Amino acid sequence: MSAEEPLLRVVRGVPTAEELAALVGAIVARSRPTAATAPVATSTWARSGRPAGTAPSPRLGGWRASGLPR
């Protein structure tokens, strides 16, 4: 591709300057790499309610046992 060739070409229609600007903005926004989202931190109060490694298990009487102290 030479420096004289356009990077974008309209095949049909006659877009306005605003429409072309919106199209270029959308293409630029999609081509940028997204930043990794940070994991949501759980408060100490919420972590204390369910100790690590203990998940509720579906079993007979499990709902009753979930309310008992550990």
C-alpha atoms as a PDB file:
ATOM      1  CA  MET A   1       0.000   0.000   0.000  1.00  0.00           C
ATOM      2  CA  SER A   2       1.479   3.329  -0.990  1.00  0.00           C
ATOM      3  CA  ALA A   3       1.205   6.601   0.913  1.00  0.00           C
ATOM      4  CA  GLU A   4      -1.175   7.929  -1.757  1.00  0.00           C
ATOM      5  CA  GLU A   5      -3.838   5.216  -1.295  1.00  0.00           C
ATOM      6  CA  PRO A   6      -6.625   6.010   1.171  1.00  0.00           C
ATOM      7  CA  LEU A   7      -6.927   3.808   4.242  1.00  0.00           C
ATOM      8  CA  LEU A   8     -10.725   3.906   4.049  1.00  0.00           C
ATOM      9  CA  ARG A   9     -12.920   3.954   0.954  1.00  0.00           C
ATOM     10  CA  VAL A  10     -16.683   4.536   0.743  1.00  0.00           C
ATOM     11  CA  VAL A  11     -18.215   2.027  -1.662  1.00  0.00           C
ATOM     12  CA  ARG A  12     -21.806   3.283  -1.714  1.00  0.00           C
ATOM     13  CA  GLY A  13     -23.563   6.477  -0.791  1.00  0.00           C
ATOM     14  CA  VAL A  14     -22.315   9.923   0.045  1.00  0.00           C
ATOM     15  CA  PRO A  15     -21.564  10.131   3.778  1.00  0.00           C
ATOM     16  CA  THR A  16     -21.424  13.482   5.511  1.00  0.00           C
ATOM     17  CA  ALA A  17     -18.337  14.635   7.382  1.00  0.00           C
ATOM     18  CA  GLU A  18     -20.051  13.757  10.680  1.00  0.00           C
ATOM     19  CA  GLU A  19     -20.838  10.215   9.491  1.00  0.00           C
ATOM     20  CA  LEU A  20     -17.239   9.667   8.374  1.00  0.00           C
ATOM     21  CA  ALA A  21     -15.964  11.014  11.689  1.00  0.00           C
ATOM     22  CA  ALA A  22     -18.260   8.618  13.582  1.00  0.00           C
ATOM     23  CA  LEU A  23     -17.064   5.693  11.455  1.00  0.00           C
ATOM     24  CA  VAL A  24     -13.389   6.517  11.958  1.00  0.00           C
ATOM     25  CA  GLY A  25     -13.973   6.985  15.692  1.00  0.00           C
ATOM     26  CA  ALA A  26     -15.653   3.588  15.944  1.00  0.00           C
ATOM     27  CA  ILE A  27     -12.829   1.884  14.038  1.00  0.00           C
ATOM     28  CA  VAL A  28     -10.166   3.523  16.211  1.00  0.00           C
ATOM     29  CA  ALA A  29     -12.019   2.604  19.411  1.00  0.00           C
ATOM     30  CA  ARG A  30     -12.346  -1.047  18.326  1.00  0.00           C
ATOM     31  CA  SER A  31      -8.693  -1.327  17.292  1.00  0.00           C
ATOM     32  CA  ARG A  32      -7.284  -0.269  20.683  1.00  0.00           C
ATOM     33  CA  PRO A  33      -6.377  -3.061  23.088  1.00  0.00           C
ATOM     34  CA  THR A  34      -8.660  -3.243  26.088  1.00  0.00           C
ATOM     35  CA  ALA A  35      -7.224  -2.951  29.556  1.00  0.00           C
ATOM     36  CA  ALA A  36      -7.625  -5.943  31.835  1.00  0.00           C
ATOM     37  CA  THR A  37     -10.288  -5.375  34.446  1.00  0.00           C
ATOM     38  CA  ALA A  38      -9.132  -5.536  38.034  1.00  0.00           C
ATOM     39  CA  PRO A  39     -10.741  -8.246  40.168  1.00  0.00           C
ATOM     40  CA  VAL A  40     -13.377  -7.002  42.557  1.00  0.00           C
ATOM     41  CA  ALA A  41     -12.041  -6.977  46.093  1.00  0.00           C
ATOM     42  CA  THR A  42     -14.236  -8.617  48.716  1.00  0.00           C
ATOM     43  CA  SER A  43     -14.458  -6.967  52.084  1.00  0.00           C
ATOM     44  CA  THR A  44     -13.110  -8.689  55.171  1.00  0.00           C
ATOM     45  CA  TRP A  45     -16.602  -8.779  56.609  1.00  0.00           C
ATOM     46  CA  ALA A  46     -17.954 -10.671  53.581  1.00  0.00           C
ATOM     47  CA  ARG A  47     -14.989 -13.086  53.510  1.00  0.00           C
ATOM     48  CA  SER A  48     -15.513 -14.016  57.153  1.00  0.00           C
ATOM     49  CA  GLY A  49     -19.019 -15.276  56.410  1.00  0.00           C
ATOM     50  CA  ARG A  50     -17.801 -18.164  54.297  1.00  0.00           C
ATOM     51  CA  PRO A  51     -14.325 -19.508  55.050  1.00  0.00           C
ATOM     52  CA  ALA A  52     -12.196 -20.526  52.089  1.00  0.00           C
ATOM     53  CA  GLY A  53     -12.660 -24.041  50.833  1.00  0.00           C
ATOM     54  CA  THR A  54     -16.174 -24.517  52.172  1.00  0.00           C
ATOM     55  CA  ALA A  55     -18.877 -24.406  49.586  1.00  0.00           C
ATOM     56  CA  PRO A  56     -22.472 -25.385  50.185  1.00  0.00           C
ATOM     57  CA  SER A  57     -23.105 -28.910  48.977  1.00  0.00           C
ATOM     58  CA  PRO A  58     -26.450 -30.216  47.789  1.00  0.00           C
ATOM     59  CA  ARG A  59     -27.286 -33.113  50.084  1.00  0.00           C
ATOM     60  CA  LEU A  60     -30.061 -34.333  52.300  1.00  0.00           C
ATOM     61  CA  GLY A  61     -30.438 -31.822  55.129  1.00  0.00           C
ATOM     62  CA  GLY A  62     -27.833 -29.509  53.620  1.00  0.00           C
ATOM     63  CA  TRP A  63     -30.017 -26.447  54.034  1.00  0.00           C
ATOM     64  CA  ARG A  64     -30.332 -27.184  57.751  1.00  0.00           C
ATOM     65  CA  ALA A  65     -26.614 -27.833  58.162  1.00  0.00           C
ATOM     66  CA  SER A  66     -25.786 -24.553  56.450  1.00  0.00           C
ATOM     67  CA  GLY A  67     -27.192 -22.645  59.411  1.00  0.00           C
ATOM     68  CA  LEU A  68     -25.298 -24.599  62.059  1.00  0.00           C
ATOM     69  CA  PRO A  69     -22.034 -23.259  63.483  1.00  0.00           C
ATOM     70  CA  ARG A  70     -18.859 -24.760  62.103  1.00  0.00           C
END
